[in-house]
Amino acid sequence: QVQLAESGGGLVQAGGSLRLSCAASERTFSTYAMGWFRQAPGKERELLAAISGNSKIILYANSVKGRFTISRDNAENILNLQMSSLKPEDTAVYYCAAAPNSGLNDPKAYHTWGQGTQVTVSP
C-alpha cells in the first residue's frame, strides 16, 4: 500500500500564502485519487480538495474554492496544495489521503493517510 508524508506547514499571517506537499512512496501513486483534508481542534475532518489520478477531475470545498489549488506530479509522486489569501479560520492540521478514483468526492472512500502538517494563520 502507498505511504504518504505531508510537508510545508507553518505559521503565516492572514492574507499570506503557503504551499503544502505530499510525497508518496510508490509509483502506483498515479492510479489513486488524492485529496487534501484539514481538522481543527474539536471539529470534524473536512475534505478540502480532490484530484483524480489523471488530473481530469478536480473538486474543491466552497470554503477554499478560489483560494486553494490542488495539483499533482505523477512523475515525482507528489501532491501539492497551493494556499493563498489565508484566513485565521484556515488554521488546522492538514492531511493528504488516497482513494479509488471512483470515490474521490466521498470522504469515506479515503483509505490511506499521511501524518499531517500544522498550518497556523495569525490575525
N, C-alpha and C. Protein backbone atom coordinates (compact mmCIF):
# COMPACT_ATOMS: atom_id res chain seq x y z
N GLN A 1 0.84 -1.20 0.00
CA GLN A 1 0.00 0.00 0.00
C GLN A 1 0.88 1.25 0.00
N VAL A 2 0.39 2.31 -0.64
CA VAL A 2 1.12 3.56 -0.73
C VAL A 2 1.24 4.18 0.66
N GLN A 3 2.38 4.82 0.92
CA GLN A 3 2.59 5.60 2.14
C GLN A 3 2.71 7.07 1.76
N LEU A 4 2.17 7.95 2.62
CA LEU A 4 2.09 9.37 2.33
C LEU A 4 2.72 10.18 3.44
N ALA A 5 3.36 11.29 3.07
CA ALA A 5 4.01 12.17 4.04
C ALA A 5 3.85 13.62 3.62
N GLU A 6 3.17 14.41 4.47
CA GLU A 6 2.97 15.83 4.19
C GLU A 6 4.15 16.67 4.67
N SER A 7 4.33 17.83 4.03
CA SER A 7 5.32 18.80 4.45
C SER A 7 4.87 20.18 4.01
N GLY A 8 5.49 21.21 4.56
CA GLY A 8 5.25 22.58 4.13
C GLY A 8 4.40 23.42 5.05
N GLY A 9 3.89 22.85 6.13
CA GLY A 9 3.11 23.62 7.06
C GLY A 9 3.96 24.62 7.82
N GLY A 10 3.29 25.55 8.50
CA GLY A 10 3.99 26.55 9.27
C GLY A 10 3.07 27.67 9.70
N LEU A 11 3.67 28.76 10.12
CA LEU A 11 2.97 29.95 10.60
C LEU A 11 3.00 31.02 9.52
N VAL A 12 1.84 31.59 9.22
CA VAL A 12 1.74 32.62 8.21
C VAL A 12 0.70 33.65 8.65
N GLN A 13 0.89 34.89 8.23
CA GLN A 13 -0.07 35.94 8.54
C GLN A 13 -1.30 35.84 7.65
N ALA A 14 -2.43 36.30 8.16
CA ALA A 14 -3.64 36.36 7.35
C ALA A 14 -3.36 37.12 6.06
N GLY A 15 -3.89 36.59 4.97
CA GLY A 15 -3.65 37.15 3.65
C GLY A 15 -2.44 36.58 2.94
N GLY A 16 -1.65 35.81 3.65
CA GLY A 16 -0.45 35.23 3.08
C GLY A 16 -0.71 33.94 2.34
N SER A 17 0.38 33.32 1.87
CA SER A 17 0.32 32.10 1.08
C SER A 17 1.22 31.04 1.66
N LEU A 18 0.89 29.79 1.36
CA LEU A 18 1.67 28.65 1.82
C LEU A 18 1.45 27.52 0.84
N ARG A 19 2.48 26.72 0.61
CA ARG A 19 2.40 25.58 -0.29
C ARG A 19 2.68 24.30 0.48
N LEU A 20 1.72 23.38 0.47
CA LEU A 20 1.88 22.08 1.10
C LEU A 20 2.20 21.03 0.04
N SER A 21 3.00 20.05 0.43
CA SER A 21 3.32 18.94 -0.45
C SER A 21 3.06 17.63 0.25
N CYS A 22 2.80 16.60 -0.53
CA CYS A 22 2.56 15.26 -0.03
C CYS A 22 3.34 14.30 -0.92
N ALA A 23 4.30 13.60 -0.34
CA ALA A 23 5.13 12.67 -1.08
C ALA A 23 4.63 11.25 -0.90
N ALA A 24 4.48 10.53 -1.99
CA ALA A 24 4.02 9.15 -1.97
C ALA A 24 5.18 8.20 -2.19
N SER A 25 5.05 7.00 -1.63
CA SER A 25 6.16 6.05 -1.61
C SER A 25 6.26 5.17 -2.84
N GLU A 26 5.21 5.08 -3.65
CA GLU A 26 5.16 4.12 -4.73
C GLU A 26 4.81 4.77 -6.06
N ARG A 27 5.26 4.13 -7.14
CA ARG A 27 4.91 4.59 -8.49
C ARG A 27 3.45 4.36 -8.83
N THR A 28 2.75 3.50 -8.07
CA THR A 28 1.32 3.31 -8.26
C THR A 28 0.51 4.51 -7.78
N PHE A 29 1.16 5.52 -7.24
CA PHE A 29 0.54 6.79 -6.87
C PHE A 29 -0.41 7.30 -7.95
N SER A 30 -0.02 7.17 -9.21
CA SER A 30 -0.80 7.71 -10.31
C SER A 30 -2.16 7.05 -10.48
N THR A 31 -2.37 5.88 -9.89
CA THR A 31 -3.64 5.17 -10.02
C THR A 31 -4.67 5.62 -8.99
N TYR A 32 -4.27 6.41 -8.00
CA TYR A 32 -5.17 6.83 -6.94
C TYR A 32 -5.70 8.24 -7.17
N ALA A 33 -6.96 8.46 -6.76
CA ALA A 33 -7.39 9.82 -6.50
C ALA A 33 -6.73 10.29 -5.21
N MET A 34 -6.46 11.58 -5.12
CA MET A 34 -5.82 12.15 -3.94
C MET A 34 -6.64 13.33 -3.43
N GLY A 35 -6.63 13.51 -2.13
CA GLY A 35 -7.37 14.60 -1.53
C GLY A 35 -6.58 15.27 -0.42
N TRP A 36 -6.93 16.52 -0.16
CA TRP A 36 -6.43 17.26 0.99
C TRP A 36 -7.58 17.46 1.98
N PHE A 37 -7.31 17.15 3.23
CA PHE A 37 -8.25 17.34 4.33
C PHE A 37 -7.63 18.26 5.36
N ARG A 38 -8.46 18.80 6.23
CA ARG A 38 -7.95 19.50 7.40
C ARG A 38 -8.85 19.22 8.59
N GLN A 39 -8.26 19.34 9.78
CA GLN A 39 -9.00 19.14 11.00
C GLN A 39 -8.51 20.13 12.05
N ALA A 40 -9.43 20.95 12.54
CA ALA A 40 -9.16 21.87 13.62
C ALA A 40 -9.58 21.23 14.93
N PRO A 41 -8.99 21.67 16.06
CA PRO A 41 -9.35 21.08 17.35
C PRO A 41 -10.85 21.13 17.61
N GLY A 42 -11.42 20.00 18.00
CA GLY A 42 -12.83 19.93 18.30
C GLY A 42 -13.76 19.88 17.11
N LYS A 43 -13.21 19.85 15.90
CA LYS A 43 -14.03 19.83 14.69
C LYS A 43 -13.78 18.55 13.91
N GLU A 44 -14.73 18.21 13.04
CA GLU A 44 -14.59 17.03 12.20
C GLU A 44 -13.61 17.30 11.06
N ARG A 45 -13.00 16.24 10.57
CA ARG A 45 -12.11 16.35 9.43
C ARG A 45 -12.91 16.73 8.19
N GLU A 46 -12.38 17.68 7.42
CA GLU A 46 -13.08 18.27 6.29
C GLU A 46 -12.30 18.01 5.00
N LEU A 47 -12.98 17.51 3.98
CA LEU A 47 -12.39 17.36 2.65
C LEU A 47 -12.36 18.71 1.97
N LEU A 48 -11.16 19.18 1.61
CA LEU A 48 -10.99 20.50 1.02
C LEU A 48 -10.90 20.47 -0.50
N ALA A 49 -10.19 19.49 -1.03
CA ALA A 49 -9.92 19.43 -2.46
C ALA A 49 -9.57 18.01 -2.84
N ALA A 50 -9.94 17.59 -4.05
CA ALA A 50 -9.64 16.26 -4.53
C ALA A 50 -9.26 16.32 -6.00
N ILE A 51 -8.43 15.38 -6.42
CA ILE A 51 -7.97 15.32 -7.79
C ILE A 51 -7.86 13.87 -8.23
N SER A 52 -8.35 13.56 -9.42
CA SER A 52 -8.30 12.21 -9.93
C SER A 52 -6.88 11.85 -10.33
N GLY A 53 -6.65 10.55 -10.56
CA GLY A 53 -5.32 10.08 -10.88
C GLY A 53 -4.72 10.75 -12.11
N ASN A 54 -5.55 11.03 -13.11
CA ASN A 54 -5.07 11.66 -14.35
C ASN A 54 -5.28 13.18 -14.37
N SER A 55 -5.69 13.77 -13.25
CA SER A 55 -5.90 15.20 -13.08
C SER A 55 -7.08 15.75 -13.88
N LYS A 56 -7.90 14.88 -14.45
CA LYS A 56 -9.02 15.36 -15.26
C LYS A 56 -10.23 15.79 -14.43
N ILE A 57 -10.29 15.36 -13.17
CA ILE A 57 -11.38 15.77 -12.28
C ILE A 57 -10.77 16.43 -11.06
N ILE A 58 -11.20 17.65 -10.78
CA ILE A 58 -10.73 18.41 -9.62
C ILE A 58 -11.94 19.01 -8.93
N LEU A 59 -12.02 18.82 -7.61
CA LEU A 59 -13.13 19.31 -6.82
C LEU A 59 -12.60 20.11 -5.64
N TYR A 60 -13.34 21.16 -5.25
CA TYR A 60 -12.99 21.98 -4.10
C TYR A 60 -14.20 22.19 -3.21
N ALA A 61 -13.95 22.25 -1.92
CA ALA A 61 -14.97 22.68 -0.99
C ALA A 61 -15.22 24.18 -1.16
N ASN A 62 -16.45 24.60 -0.90
CA ASN A 62 -16.77 26.02 -1.04
C ASN A 62 -15.90 26.91 -0.15
N SER A 63 -15.46 26.38 0.97
CA SER A 63 -14.68 27.17 1.91
C SER A 63 -13.31 27.57 1.37
N VAL A 64 -12.81 26.84 0.37
CA VAL A 64 -11.47 27.12 -0.15
C VAL A 64 -11.44 27.42 -1.64
N LYS A 65 -12.55 27.24 -2.33
CA LYS A 65 -12.57 27.46 -3.77
C LYS A 65 -12.19 28.90 -4.09
N GLY A 66 -11.29 29.06 -5.05
CA GLY A 66 -10.80 30.37 -5.43
C GLY A 66 -9.56 30.80 -4.66
N ARG A 67 -9.25 30.12 -3.57
CA ARG A 67 -8.07 30.44 -2.77
C ARG A 67 -7.02 29.34 -2.80
N PHE A 68 -7.46 28.08 -2.86
CA PHE A 68 -6.55 26.94 -2.83
C PHE A 68 -6.53 26.27 -4.20
N THR A 69 -5.38 25.72 -4.58
CA THR A 69 -5.24 24.98 -5.82
C THR A 69 -4.56 23.65 -5.55
N ILE A 70 -5.22 22.56 -5.95
CA ILE A 70 -4.64 21.23 -5.82
C ILE A 70 -4.02 20.82 -7.15
N SER A 71 -2.88 20.15 -7.09
CA SER A 71 -2.22 19.66 -8.29
C SER A 71 -1.39 18.44 -7.94
N ARG A 72 -0.96 17.71 -8.96
CA ARG A 72 -0.13 16.54 -8.71
C ARG A 72 0.90 16.39 -9.82
N ASP A 73 2.01 15.80 -9.47
CA ASP A 73 3.07 15.48 -10.41
C ASP A 73 3.31 13.99 -10.28
N ASN A 74 2.69 13.21 -11.17
CA ASN A 74 2.78 11.76 -11.06
C ASN A 74 4.19 11.24 -11.33
N ALA A 75 4.96 11.96 -12.13
CA ALA A 75 6.33 11.54 -12.39
C ALA A 75 7.18 11.59 -11.13
N GLU A 76 6.85 12.51 -10.21
CA GLU A 76 7.59 12.66 -8.97
C GLU A 76 6.84 12.11 -7.77
N ASN A 77 5.65 11.56 -7.98
CA ASN A 77 4.83 11.01 -6.89
C ASN A 77 4.55 12.06 -5.82
N ILE A 78 4.15 13.25 -6.25
CA ILE A 78 3.94 14.37 -5.34
C ILE A 78 2.56 14.99 -5.57
N LEU A 79 1.86 15.26 -4.49
CA LEU A 79 0.61 16.01 -4.48
C LEU A 79 0.87 17.36 -3.82
N ASN A 80 0.31 18.43 -4.37
CA ASN A 80 0.54 19.77 -3.84
C ASN A 80 -0.77 20.46 -3.52
N LEU A 81 -0.71 21.40 -2.58
CA LEU A 81 -1.82 22.29 -2.29
C LEU A 81 -1.25 23.69 -2.14
N GLN A 82 -1.53 24.55 -3.11
CA GLN A 82 -1.13 25.94 -3.04
C GLN A 82 -2.25 26.72 -2.38
N MET A 83 -1.95 27.36 -1.26
CA MET A 83 -2.94 28.09 -0.49
C MET A 83 -2.60 29.58 -0.52
N SER A 84 -3.59 30.40 -0.82
CA SER A 84 -3.42 31.84 -0.83
C SER A 84 -4.59 32.50 -0.11
N SER A 85 -4.44 33.80 0.15
CA SER A 85 -5.47 34.55 0.88
C SER A 85 -5.89 33.83 2.15
N LEU A 86 -4.91 33.37 2.90
CA LEU A 86 -5.19 32.57 4.08
C LEU A 86 -5.89 33.38 5.16
N LYS A 87 -6.77 32.71 5.89
CA LYS A 87 -7.57 33.30 6.94
C LYS A 87 -7.29 32.58 8.25
N PRO A 88 -7.50 33.25 9.39
CA PRO A 88 -7.32 32.55 10.67
C PRO A 88 -8.13 31.27 10.78
N GLU A 89 -9.30 31.23 10.19
CA GLU A 89 -10.13 30.02 10.24
C GLU A 89 -9.57 28.87 9.42
N ASP A 90 -8.52 29.11 8.64
CA ASP A 90 -7.83 28.03 7.94
C ASP A 90 -6.87 27.28 8.85
N THR A 91 -6.66 27.76 10.06
CA THR A 91 -5.76 27.10 10.99
C THR A 91 -6.25 25.69 11.31
N ALA A 92 -5.40 24.71 11.08
CA ALA A 92 -5.76 23.30 11.27
C ALA A 92 -4.55 22.43 10.97
N VAL A 93 -4.70 21.15 11.26
CA VAL A 93 -3.76 20.16 10.76
C VAL A 93 -4.25 19.71 9.39
N TYR A 94 -3.38 19.75 8.41
CA TYR A 94 -3.72 19.40 7.04
C TYR A 94 -3.16 18.02 6.70
N TYR A 95 -4.00 17.19 6.08
CA TYR A 95 -3.65 15.82 5.73
C TYR A 95 -3.84 15.59 4.24
N CYS A 96 -2.99 14.78 3.64
CA CYS A 96 -3.27 14.23 2.33
C CYS A 96 -3.73 12.79 2.49
N ALA A 97 -4.51 12.31 1.52
CA ALA A 97 -5.07 10.97 1.60
C ALA A 97 -5.35 10.45 0.20
N ALA A 98 -5.41 9.13 0.09
CA ALA A 98 -5.63 8.45 -1.19
C ALA A 98 -6.96 7.71 -1.19
N ALA A 99 -7.60 7.65 -2.35
CA ALA A 99 -8.86 6.95 -2.53
C ALA A 99 -8.92 6.34 -3.92
N PRO A 100 -9.82 5.38 -4.15
CA PRO A 100 -10.08 4.97 -5.53
C PRO A 100 -10.61 6.15 -6.33
N ASN A 101 -10.34 6.17 -7.61
CA ASN A 101 -10.82 7.28 -8.43
C ASN A 101 -12.34 7.40 -8.40
N SER A 102 -13.04 6.29 -8.24
CA SER A 102 -14.49 6.31 -8.18
C SER A 102 -15.02 6.99 -6.92
N GLY A 103 -14.18 7.16 -5.92
CA GLY A 103 -14.62 7.72 -4.66
C GLY A 103 -14.00 9.04 -4.29
N LEU A 104 -13.48 9.79 -5.24
CA LEU A 104 -12.73 11.00 -4.91
C LEU A 104 -13.57 12.06 -4.23
N ASN A 105 -14.89 12.04 -4.41
CA ASN A 105 -15.78 13.02 -3.80
C ASN A 105 -16.38 12.53 -2.49
N ASP A 106 -15.99 11.34 -2.05
CA ASP A 106 -16.56 10.72 -0.85
C ASP A 106 -15.49 10.63 0.22
N PRO A 107 -15.59 11.43 1.29
CA PRO A 107 -14.56 11.35 2.34
C PRO A 107 -14.36 9.96 2.91
N LYS A 108 -15.42 9.15 2.91
CA LYS A 108 -15.33 7.80 3.46
C LYS A 108 -14.50 6.87 2.59
N ALA A 109 -14.26 7.24 1.33
CA ALA A 109 -13.51 6.39 0.43
C ALA A 109 -12.00 6.50 0.61
N TYR A 110 -11.55 7.51 1.32
CA TYR A 110 -10.11 7.71 1.50
C TYR A 110 -9.58 6.73 2.54
N HIS A 111 -8.63 5.91 2.14
CA HIS A 111 -8.20 4.77 2.94
C HIS A 111 -6.77 4.86 3.46
N THR A 112 -5.96 5.73 2.88
CA THR A 112 -4.57 5.86 3.28
C THR A 112 -4.27 7.32 3.56
N TRP A 113 -3.63 7.58 4.71
CA TRP A 113 -3.46 8.94 5.21
C TRP A 113 -2.02 9.24 5.55
N GLY A 114 -1.64 10.49 5.35
CA GLY A 114 -0.37 10.96 5.87
C GLY A 114 -0.48 11.31 7.34
N GLN A 115 0.62 11.78 7.91
CA GLN A 115 0.67 12.07 9.34
C GLN A 115 0.15 13.46 9.68
N GLY A 116 0.00 14.32 8.70
CA GLY A 116 -0.49 15.66 8.91
C GLY A 116 0.61 16.69 9.08
N THR A 117 0.30 17.94 8.72
CA THR A 117 1.21 19.06 8.92
C THR A 117 0.41 20.26 9.41
N GLN A 118 0.93 20.94 10.42
CA GLN A 118 0.21 22.04 11.06
C GLN A 118 0.31 23.31 10.24
N VAL A 119 -0.83 23.95 10.00
CA VAL A 119 -0.90 25.27 9.39
C VAL A 119 -1.55 26.21 10.39
N THR A 120 -0.87 27.29 10.73
CA THR A 120 -1.39 28.28 11.66
C THR A 120 -1.39 29.64 10.98
N VAL A 121 -2.55 30.28 10.93
CA VAL A 121 -2.70 31.59 10.30
C VAL A 121 -2.99 32.61 11.39
N SER A 122 -2.09 33.56 11.57
CA SER A 122 -2.24 34.57 12.60
C SER A 122 -3.07 35.73 12.07
N PRO A 123 -3.83 36.40 12.95
CA PRO A 123 -4.67 37.50 12.50
C PRO A 123 -3.86 38.74 12.15
